[in-house]
C-alpha atoms as a PDB file:
ATOM      1  CA  MET A   1       1.338   6.346  19.328  1.00  0.00           C
ATOM      2  CA  PRO A   2      -1.792   4.719  18.245  1.00  0.00           C
ATOM      3  CA  ASN A   3      -3.327   1.739  20.470  1.00  0.00           C
ATOM      4  CA  GLU A   4      -1.882  -1.831  18.770  1.00  0.00           C
ATOM      5  CA  PHE A   5      -3.511  -4.924  18.782  1.00  0.00           C
ATOM      6  CA  ILE A   6      -2.886  -8.478  17.217  1.00  0.00           C
ATOM      7  CA  HIS A   7      -5.376 -11.097  15.974  1.00  0.00           C
ATOM      8  CA  ASN A   8      -4.574 -14.384  14.574  1.00  0.00           C
ATOM      9  CA  GLY A   9      -0.568 -13.402  14.255  1.00  0.00           C
ATOM     10  CA  ILE A  10      -1.662  -9.940  12.492  1.00  0.00           C
ATOM     11  CA  ALA A  11      -0.515  -6.617  14.335  1.00  0.00           C
ATOM     12  CA  TYR A  12      -2.662  -3.522  13.664  1.00  0.00           C
ATOM     13  CA  TYR A  13      -3.434  -0.132  14.959  1.00  0.00           C
ATOM     14  CA  LYS A  14      -6.944   0.741  15.693  1.00  0.00           C
ATOM     15  CA  GLU A  15      -7.393   4.383  16.339  1.00  0.00           C
ATOM     16  CA  GLY A  16     -10.464   6.984  16.324  1.00  0.00           C
ATOM     17  CA  ILE A  17     -14.525   6.294  16.503  1.00  0.00           C
ATOM     18  CA  GLY A  18     -16.824   6.440  13.015  1.00  0.00           C
ATOM     19  CA  ASN A  19     -16.745   5.530   9.663  1.00  0.00           C
ATOM     20  CA  VAL A  20     -13.710   2.539   8.828  1.00  0.00           C
ATOM     21  CA  VAL A  21     -10.888   3.488   6.916  1.00  0.00           C
ATOM     22  CA  VAL A  22      -8.574   0.732   6.277  1.00  0.00           C
ATOM     23  CA  LEU A  23      -4.693   1.384   5.331  1.00  0.00           C
ATOM     24  CA  LEU A  24      -2.436  -1.501   3.900  1.00  0.00           C
ATOM     25  CA  HIS A  25       1.202  -0.192   3.544  1.00  0.00           C
ATOM     26  CA  GLY A  26       3.502  -1.190   0.837  1.00  0.00           C
ATOM     27  CA  PHE A  27       6.528  -3.678   0.282  1.00  0.00           C
ATOM     28  CA  PRO A  28       8.767  -3.771   2.662  1.00  0.00           C
ATOM     29  CA  MET A  29       7.716  -1.157   5.005  1.00  0.00           C
ATOM     30  CA  ASP A  30       4.728  -1.079   8.171  1.00  0.00           C
ATOM     31  CA  LYS A  31       2.068   0.298   9.615  1.00  0.00           C
ATOM     32  CA  ASN A  32       4.129   3.341  10.720  1.00  0.00           C
ATOM     33  CA  ILE A  33       4.307   4.725   7.331  1.00  0.00           C
ATOM     34  CA  TRP A  34       0.783   5.749   8.065  1.00  0.00           C
ATOM     35  CA  LEU A  35       1.347   7.730  11.521  1.00  0.00           C
ATOM     36  CA  ASP A  36       0.734  11.174  10.257  1.00  0.00           C
ATOM     37  CA  LEU A  37      -2.370  10.308   8.057  1.00  0.00           C
ATOM     38  CA  ILE A  38      -3.670   8.220  11.095  1.00  0.00           C
ATOM     39  CA  THR A  39      -3.509  11.473  13.203  1.00  0.00           C
ATOM     40  CA  VAL A  40      -5.868  13.372  10.615  1.00  0.00           C
ATOM     41  CA  LEU A  41      -8.027  10.529   9.867  1.00  0.00           C
ATOM     42  CA  SER A  42      -9.064   9.420  13.022  1.00  0.00           C
ATOM     43  CA  THR A  43     -10.099  12.542  13.892  1.00  0.00           C
ATOM     44  CA  ASN A  44     -13.975  11.608  12.449  1.00  0.00           C
ATOM     45  CA  HIS A  45     -13.239   7.942  11.390  1.00  0.00           C
ATOM     46  CA  GLN A  46     -11.733   4.755  12.775  1.00  0.00           C
ATOM     47  CA  VAL A  47      -8.924   4.050  11.044  1.00  0.00           C
ATOM     48  CA  ILE A  48      -7.063   0.325  10.805  1.00  0.00           C
ATOM     49  CA  ALA A  49      -3.639   0.494   9.775  1.00  0.00           C
ATOM     50  CA  ILE A  50      -2.726  -3.209   9.153  1.00  0.00           C
ATOM     51  CA  ASP A  51       1.145  -4.910   9.337  1.00  0.00           C
ATOM     52  CA  ILE A  52       1.196  -6.748   6.059  1.00  0.00           C
ATOM     53  CA  PRO A  53       1.922 -10.821   7.088  1.00  0.00           C
ATOM     54  CA  GLY A  54       5.578 -10.965   7.217  1.00  0.00           C
ATOM     55  CA  LEU A  55       6.592  -7.363   8.177  1.00  0.00           C
ATOM     56  CA  GLY A  56       6.138  -5.082  10.800  1.00  0.00           C
ATOM     57  CA  ASN A  57       5.053  -7.334  13.993  1.00  0.00           C
ATOM     58  CA  SER A  58       3.023  -9.406  11.795  1.00  0.00           C
ATOM     59  CA  ASN A  59       3.795 -13.148  11.677  1.00  0.00           C
ATOM     60  CA  ALA A  60       4.784 -14.380   8.586  1.00  0.00           C
ATOM     61  CA  LEU A  61       1.521 -16.387   7.971  1.00  0.00           C
ATOM     62  CA  SER A  62       0.680 -17.891   4.296  1.00  0.00           C
ATOM     63  CA  LEU A  63       2.454 -15.528   1.745  1.00  0.00           C
ATOM     64  CA  ASN A  64       2.208 -17.548  -1.279  1.00  0.00           C
ATOM     65  CA  ALA A  65      -0.394 -15.282  -3.066  1.00  0.00           C
ATOM     66  CA  ILE A  66      -1.992 -11.785  -2.957  1.00  0.00           C
ATOM     67  CA  HIS A  67      -5.456 -13.147  -2.621  1.00  0.00           C
ATOM     68  CA  THR A  68      -4.438 -15.392   0.407  1.00  0.00           C
ATOM     69  CA  ILE A  69      -2.853 -11.817   2.416  1.00  0.00           C
ATOM     70  CA  ALA A  70      -6.474 -10.206   1.487  1.00  0.00           C
ATOM     71  CA  ASP A  71      -8.560 -13.410   3.210  1.00  0.00           C
ATOM     72  CA  GLN A  72      -6.221 -12.879   6.086  1.00  0.00           C
ATOM     73  CA  ILE A  73      -6.849  -9.105   6.068  1.00  0.00           C
ATOM     74  CA  HIS A  74     -10.970  -9.966   5.756  1.00  0.00           C
ATOM     75  CA  ASP A  75     -10.437 -12.034   8.892  1.00  0.00           C
ATOM     76  CA  LEU A  76      -9.288  -9.366  10.936  1.00  0.00           C
ATOM     77  CA  LEU A  77     -12.012  -7.299   9.836  1.00  0.00           C
ATOM     78  CA  GLN A  78     -14.435  -9.885  10.458  1.00  0.00           C
ATOM     79  CA  HIS A  79     -12.865  -9.918  13.697  1.00  0.00           C
ATOM     80  CA  GLU A  80     -13.107  -6.237  14.486  1.00  0.00           C
ATOM     81  CA  GLN A  81     -16.737  -6.462  13.067  1.00  0.00           C
ATOM     82  CA  VAL A  82     -16.287  -4.060  10.056  1.00  0.00           C
ATOM     83  CA  GLY A  83     -19.299  -3.972   7.967  1.00  0.00           C
ATOM     84  CA  LYS A  84     -17.822  -1.267   5.562  1.00  0.00           C
ATOM     85  CA  ALA A  85     -14.756   0.208   5.020  1.00  0.00           C
ATOM     86  CA  VAL A  86     -12.698   2.406   2.601  1.00  0.00           C
ATOM     87  CA  PHE A  87      -9.417   0.814   1.480  1.00  0.00           C
ATOM     88  CA  VAL A  88      -6.390   2.885   1.240  1.00  0.00           C
ATOM     89  CA  GLY A  89      -3.447   0.855  -0.231  1.00  0.00           C
ATOM     90  CA  HIS A  90       0.239   2.055  -0.801  1.00  0.00           C
ATOM     91  CA  SER A  91       2.197   0.073  -4.103  1.00  0.00           C
ATOM     92  CA  MET A  92       1.907  -3.714  -2.553  1.00  0.00           C
ATOM     93  CA  GLY A  93      -0.888  -2.602  -0.242  1.00  0.00           C
ATOM     94  CA  GLY A  94      -2.675  -1.405  -3.464  1.00  0.00           C
ATOM     95  CA  TYR A  95      -2.640  -5.053  -4.832  1.00  0.00           C
ATOM     96  CA  ILE A  96      -3.900  -6.371  -1.939  1.00  0.00           C
ATOM     97  CA  ALA A  97      -6.744  -3.890  -1.537  1.00  0.00           C
ATOM     98  CA  LEU A  98      -7.669  -4.905  -5.216  1.00  0.00           C
ATOM     99  CA  ALA A  99      -7.806  -8.254  -4.740  1.00  0.00           C
ATOM    100  CA  TYR A 100      -9.720  -7.398  -1.360  1.00  0.00           C
ATOM    101  CA  SER A 101     -12.062  -5.413  -3.192  1.00  0.00           C
ATOM    102  CA  LYS A 102     -12.620  -8.152  -5.815  1.00  0.00           C
ATOM    103  CA  GLN A 103     -13.275 -11.091  -3.175  1.00  0.00           C
ATOM    104  CA  TYR A 104     -15.546  -8.713  -1.057  1.00  0.00           C
ATOM    105  CA  CYS A 105     -16.687  -6.311  -3.166  1.00  0.00           C
ATOM    106  CA  LYS A 106     -19.664  -5.661  -0.438  1.00  0.00           C
ATOM    107  CA  MET A 107     -17.453  -4.352   2.007  1.00  0.00           C
ATOM    108  CA  VAL A 108     -15.652  -1.746   0.177  1.00  0.00           C
ATOM    109  CA  LYS A 109     -17.139   1.827   0.402  1.00  0.00           C
ATOM    110  CA  GLY A 110     -14.312   3.037  -1.750  1.00  0.00           C
ATOM    111  CA  LEU A 111     -10.734   2.397  -2.850  1.00  0.00           C
ATOM    112  CA  CYS A 112      -8.027   4.577  -2.879  1.00  0.00           C
ATOM    113  CA  LEU A 113      -4.909   3.382  -4.878  1.00  0.00           C
ATOM    114  CA  VAL A 114      -1.553   5.497  -3.510  1.00  0.00           C
ATOM    115  CA  HIS A 115       1.458   4.602  -6.260  1.00  0.00           C
ATOM    116  CA  SER A 116      -0.362   1.571  -7.096  1.00  0.00           C
ATOM    117  CA  THR A 117      -1.179  -0.151 -10.294  1.00  0.00           C
ATOM    118  CA  LEU A 118      -4.390  -2.121 -11.591  1.00  0.00           C
ATOM    119  CA  ASN A 119      -1.846  -4.552 -14.495  1.00  0.00           C
ATOM    120  CA  ALA A 120       0.292  -7.500 -13.320  1.00  0.00           C
ATOM    121  CA  ASP A 121       4.000  -7.614 -13.710  1.00  0.00           C
ATOM    122  CA  THR A 122       4.953  -7.445 -17.277  1.00  0.00           C
ATOM    123  CA  GLU A 123       7.601 -10.291 -18.165  1.00  0.00           C
ATOM    124  CA  GLU A 124      10.454  -7.555 -18.019  1.00  0.00           C
ATOM    125  CA  LYS A 125       9.808  -6.463 -14.689  1.00  0.00           C
ATOM    126  CA  LYS A 126       9.425 -10.448 -13.242  1.00  0.00           C
ATOM    127  CA  ILE A 127      12.789 -11.002 -14.722  1.00  0.00           C
ATOM    128  CA  MET A 128      13.958  -8.407 -12.475  1.00  0.00           C
ATOM    129  CA  ARG A 129      12.238  -9.667  -9.385  1.00  0.00           C
ATOM    130  CA  LEU A 130      13.525 -12.859  -9.934  1.00  0.00           C
ATOM    131  CA  LYS A 131      17.528 -11.135  -9.895  1.00  0.00           C
ATOM    132  CA  ILE A 132      16.329  -9.411  -6.836  1.00  0.00           C
ATOM    133  CA  ILE A 133      15.105 -12.548  -5.284  1.00  0.00           C
ATOM    134  CA  ASP A 134      18.309 -14.503  -6.324  1.00  0.00           C
ATOM    135  CA  LEU A 135      20.249 -11.472  -4.632  1.00  0.00           C
ATOM    136  CA  ILE A 136      18.314 -11.856  -1.227  1.00  0.00           C
ATOM    137  CA  LYS A 137      19.069 -15.410  -1.182  1.00  0.00           C
ATOM    138  CA  LYS A 138      22.808 -14.706  -1.347  1.00  0.00           C
ATOM    139  CA  GLY A 139      22.695 -12.585   1.606  1.00  0.00           C
ATOM    140  CA  GLY A 140      22.032  -9.290   0.055  1.00  0.00           C
ATOM    141  CA  THR A 141      19.011  -8.307   1.856  1.00  0.00           C
ATOM    142  CA  LYS A 142      20.578  -4.908   2.951  1.00  0.00           C
ATOM    143  CA  ALA A 143      22.249  -4.500  -0.546  1.00  0.00           C
ATOM    144  CA  PHE A 144      18.848  -4.514  -1.783  1.00  0.00           C
ATOM    145  CA  LEU A 145      17.246  -2.433   0.564  1.00  0.00           C
ATOM    146  CA  ARG A 146      19.923   0.625   0.764  1.00  0.00           C
ATOM    147  CA  GLU A 147      19.262   0.803  -3.418  1.00  0.00           C
ATOM    148  CA  LEU A 148      15.563   0.296  -3.034  1.00  0.00           C
ATOM    149  CA  PHE A 149      14.422   2.991  -0.487  1.00  0.00           C
ATOM    150  CA  PRO A 150      16.397   6.286  -2.337  1.00  0.00           C
ATOM    151  CA  SER A 151      14.605   5.287  -5.867  1.00  0.00           C
ATOM    152  CA  LEU A 152      11.203   5.574  -4.232  1.00  0.00           C
ATOM    153  CA  PHE A 153      11.565   8.840  -4.038  1.00  0.00           C
ATOM    154  CA  ALA A 154      11.711  11.744  -6.906  1.00  0.00           C
ATOM    155  CA  ALA A 155      14.824  11.795  -8.243  1.00  0.00           C
ATOM    156  CA  ASN A 156      15.290  15.702  -7.690  1.00  0.00           C
ATOM    157  CA  LYS A 157      14.339  15.290  -4.210  1.00  0.00           C
ATOM    158  CA  ARG A 158      16.500  12.417  -2.713  1.00  0.00           C
ATOM    159  CA  ILE A 159      19.011  15.190  -1.051  1.00  0.00           C
ATOM    160  CA  ILE A 160      16.199  16.723   0.421  1.00  0.00           C
ATOM    161  CA  PHE A 161      14.411  13.353   1.978  1.00  0.00           C
ATOM    162  CA  LYS A 162      17.946  11.660   2.506  1.00  0.00           C
ATOM    163  CA  SER A 163      16.886  11.781   6.382  1.00  0.00           C
ATOM    164  CA  GLU A 164      13.704  10.140   5.661  1.00  0.00           C
ATOM    165  CA  TRP A 165      15.001   7.494   3.236  1.00  0.00           C
ATOM    166  CA  ASP A 166      17.549   6.673   5.660  1.00  0.00           C
ATOM    167  CA  ALA A 167      15.189   6.290   8.595  1.00  0.00           C
ATOM    168  CA  LEU A 168      13.284   3.488   6.186  1.00  0.00           C
ATOM    169  CA  TYR A 169      16.541   1.626   5.785  1.00  0.00           C
ATOM    170  CA  ASN A 170      17.542   1.586   9.012  1.00  0.00           C
ATOM    171  CA  ARG A 171      13.717   0.426  10.382  1.00  0.00           C
ATOM    172  CA  HIS A 172      13.572  -2.082   7.847  1.00  0.00           C
ATOM    173  CA  GLN A 173      17.002  -3.692   7.371  1.00  0.00           C
ATOM    174  CA  THR A 174      16.413  -6.401   9.781  1.00  0.00           C
ATOM    175  CA  VAL A 175      13.159  -7.837   7.596  1.00  0.00           C
ATOM    176  CA  SER A 176      13.638 -11.604   7.273  1.00  0.00           C
ATOM    177  CA  PRO A 177      14.764 -12.276   3.639  1.00  0.00           C
ATOM    178  CA  VAL A 178      12.265 -15.283   4.224  1.00  0.00           C
ATOM    179  CA  SER A 179       9.567 -12.822   4.457  1.00  0.00           C
ATOM    180  CA  LEU A 180      11.074 -10.439   1.305  1.00  0.00           C
ATOM    181  CA  ILE A 181      11.333 -13.233  -0.878  1.00  0.00           C
ATOM    182  CA  ALA A 182       7.496 -14.712   0.065  1.00  0.00           C
ATOM    183  CA  LEU A 183       6.155 -11.486  -0.758  1.00  0.00           C
ATOM    184  CA  TYR A 184       8.237 -10.521  -3.605  1.00  0.00           C
ATOM    185  CA  GLU A 185       6.722 -13.993  -5.688  1.00  0.00           C
ATOM    186  CA  ALA A 186       3.419 -12.976  -4.483  1.00  0.00           C
ATOM    187  CA  ILE A 187       3.869  -9.665  -5.892  1.00  0.00           C
ATOM    188  CA  MET A 188       5.408 -11.025  -9.050  1.00  0.00           C
ATOM    189  CA  ASN A 189       2.748 -13.555  -9.426  1.00  0.00           C
ATOM    190  CA  ARG A 190      -0.382 -10.803  -8.849  1.00  0.00           C
ATOM    191  CA  LYS A 191      -3.651 -11.110 -10.873  1.00  0.00           C
ATOM    192  CA  ASN A 192      -4.024  -8.656 -13.815  1.00  0.00           C
ATOM    193  CA  TYR A 193      -7.129  -6.245 -13.159  1.00  0.00           C
ATOM    194  CA  ALA A 194      -6.723  -3.994 -16.244  1.00  0.00           C
ATOM    195  CA  GLU A 195      -9.282  -5.194 -18.324  1.00  0.00           C
ATOM    196  CA  THR A 196     -11.657  -5.672 -14.943  1.00  0.00           C
ATOM    197  CA  THR A 197     -14.719  -3.014 -14.465  1.00  0.00           C
ATOM    198  CA  TRP A 198     -14.497  -1.058 -11.336  1.00  0.00           C
ATOM    199  CA  ASN A 199     -17.799   1.039 -11.388  1.00  0.00           C
ATOM    200  CA  GLU A 200     -18.745  -0.751  -8.203  1.00  0.00           C
ATOM    201  CA  PHE A 201     -17.713   2.231  -5.993  1.00  0.00           C
ATOM    202  CA  PRO A 202     -15.276   5.285  -6.150  1.00  0.00           C
ATOM    203  CA  MET A 203     -11.769   5.092  -6.561  1.00  0.00           C
ATOM    204  CA  GLN A 204      -8.917   7.703  -5.652  1.00  0.00           C
ATOM    205  CA  TRP A 205      -5.562   7.425  -7.616  1.00  0.00           C
ATOM    206  CA  ILE A 206      -2.536   9.303  -6.000  1.00  0.00           C
ATOM    207  CA  ILE A 207       0.202   9.189  -8.507  1.00  0.00           C
ATOM    208  CA  GLY A 208       3.813  10.766  -8.581  1.00  0.00           C
ATOM    209  CA  GLU A 209       4.860  12.558 -11.853  1.00  0.00           C
ATOM    210  CA  GLN A 210       8.426  11.665 -11.349  1.00  0.00           C
ATOM    211  CA  ASP A 211       7.494   7.858 -10.007  1.00  0.00           C
ATOM    212  CA  GLN A 212      10.319   5.725 -11.205  1.00  0.00           C
ATOM    213  CA  LEU A 213       8.384   2.506 -10.875  1.00  0.00           C
ATOM    214  CA  LEU A 214       4.930   3.643 -12.219  1.00  0.00           C
ATOM    215  CA  ASP A 215       4.298   4.968 -15.469  1.00  0.00           C
ATOM    216  CA  PRO A 216       1.896   8.218 -14.232  1.00  0.00           C
ATOM    217  CA  LYS A 217       0.495   8.238 -17.676  1.00  0.00           C
ATOM    218  CA  ASP A 218      -0.450   4.765 -17.795  1.00  0.00           C
ATOM    219  CA  LEU A 219      -2.285   5.172 -14.335  1.00  0.00           C
ATOM    220  CA  ILE A 220      -4.330   8.066 -15.680  1.00  0.00           C
ATOM    221  CA  ALA A 221      -5.570   5.799 -18.077  1.00  0.00           C
ATOM    222  CA  GLN A 222      -6.505   3.100 -15.844  1.00  0.00           C
ATOM    223  CA  ALA A 223      -8.432   5.713 -13.294  1.00  0.00           C
ATOM    224  CA  LEU A 224     -10.488   5.882 -16.825  1.00  0.00           C
ATOM    225  CA  GLN A 225     -11.939   2.528 -16.455  1.00  0.00           C
ATOM    226  CA  SER A 226     -13.920   3.690 -13.230  1.00  0.00           C
ATOM    227  CA  ASP A 227     -17.387   5.868 -13.335  1.00  0.00           C
ATOM    228  CA  LYS A 228     -16.167   7.536 -10.368  1.00  0.00           C
ATOM    229  CA  SER A 229     -12.297   8.493 -10.542  1.00  0.00           C
ATOM    230  CA  PHE A 230     -10.507  10.718  -8.538  1.00  0.00           C
ATOM    231  CA  VAL A 231      -7.026  11.631  -9.417  1.00  0.00           C
ATOM    232  CA  SER A 232      -4.357  13.444  -7.471  1.00  0.00           C
ATOM    233  CA  LEU A 233      -1.283  14.179  -9.549  1.00  0.00           C
ATOM    234  CA  TYR A 234       1.683  15.502  -8.004  1.00  0.00           C
ATOM    235  CA  PRO A 235       4.506  17.354  -9.618  1.00  0.00           C
ATOM    236  CA  ASN A 236       7.838  16.408  -8.320  1.00  0.00           C
ATOM    237  CA  CYS A 237       6.756  13.562  -6.137  1.00  0.00           C
ATOM    238  CA  GLY A 238       7.977   9.744  -6.556  1.00  0.00           C
ATOM    239  CA  HIS A 239       6.583   6.758  -5.340  1.00  0.00           C
ATOM    240  CA  MET A 240       6.001   8.100  -1.305  1.00  0.00           C
ATOM    241  CA  SER A 241       3.606  11.212  -1.423  1.00  0.00           C
ATOM    242  CA  MET A 242       2.796  10.446   2.305  1.00  0.00           C
ATOM    243  CA  ILE A 243       6.352  11.947   3.016  1.00  0.00           C
ATOM    244  CA  GLU A 244       6.984  14.173  -0.283  1.00  0.00           C
ATOM    245  CA  ASN A 245       3.786  15.764  -0.417  1.00  0.00           C
ATOM    246  CA  ARG A 246       2.418  15.003   3.053  1.00  0.00           C
ATOM    247  CA  ALA A 247      -0.505  17.863   3.563  1.00  0.00           C
ATOM    248  CA  GLN A 248      -1.930  17.405  -0.053  1.00  0.00           C
ATOM    249  CA  PHE A 249      -1.780  13.865   0.354  1.00  0.00           C
ATOM    250  CA  GLU A 250      -3.609  13.889   3.616  1.00  0.00           C
ATOM    251  CA  LYS A 251      -5.864  16.537   2.360  1.00  0.00           C
ATOM    252  CA  ASP A 252      -6.867  14.320  -0.626  1.00  0.00           C
ATOM    253  CA  ILE A 253      -7.276  11.247   1.072  1.00  0.00           C
ATOM    254  CA  LEU A 254      -9.375  12.700   3.917  1.00  0.00           C
ATOM    255  CA  GLU A 255     -11.661  14.696   1.153  1.00  0.00           C
ATOM    256  CA  PHE A 256     -12.234  11.273  -0.605  1.00  0.00           C
ATOM    257  CA  THR A 257     -13.105   9.565   2.658  1.00  0.00           C
ATOM    258  CA  ASN A 258     -15.592  12.047   3.394  1.00  0.00           C
ATOM    259  CA  TYR A 259     -17.016  11.417  -0.170  1.00  0.00           C
ATOM    260  CA  CYS A 260     -17.493   7.858   0.088  1.00  0.00           C
ATOM    261  CA  TYR A 261     -19.260   8.243   3.245  1.00  0.00           C
ATOM    262  CA  ALA A 262     -21.445  11.355   2.529  1.00  0.00           C
END
């Protein structure tokens, strides 16, 4: 296991020496989702994989907004004396990375969105999230997570990856309902970056052709908003390419990171 550190209540792994790569996991997981990628990247880079506040071993700090979480990430990186970094964000982690990239643009060497989007929630999506929040408030955390984790995988591969989504459920079923609700509200109220230009640094898009949460065609269209976009479209892959398409995923992230620091 990588070495774990804690700064102001935020837990993180720090492994390797060299140019920095920051890994931000998705909802409602933790930094351990990146363990295989950390092994690959830390050979030639310093990898900082962070537990988003309220998840993993991080305390539930101020979770009221995505941009507030980005500020907390920045404080940690200042503590680590990071000058520049490539940011890799999965799903919710991508929303945090987007906010960070706008608030601290000069810190960003490159941005990789793993099954994430520039768009804010639609009104329909917000209504769905409010129903889930109500379910969690009524004690339905485990029921929500039991349904969530299988849905993150391509429908035609769920049986193949049953042990993986079972493991995710078993690991995260005890996440605090208070944290889940606060983070879901932050996600629901995040900014829309779809009409913003993204030409300050290279961007990478990891897209699952069978992702049931995000429309791959829409994500490809978003990628055209950047002058330097690298798009990886994985067939037979849902929302969890670090598991569903591990070898290609790690290769693509490593190549993008090397490009950003070339």
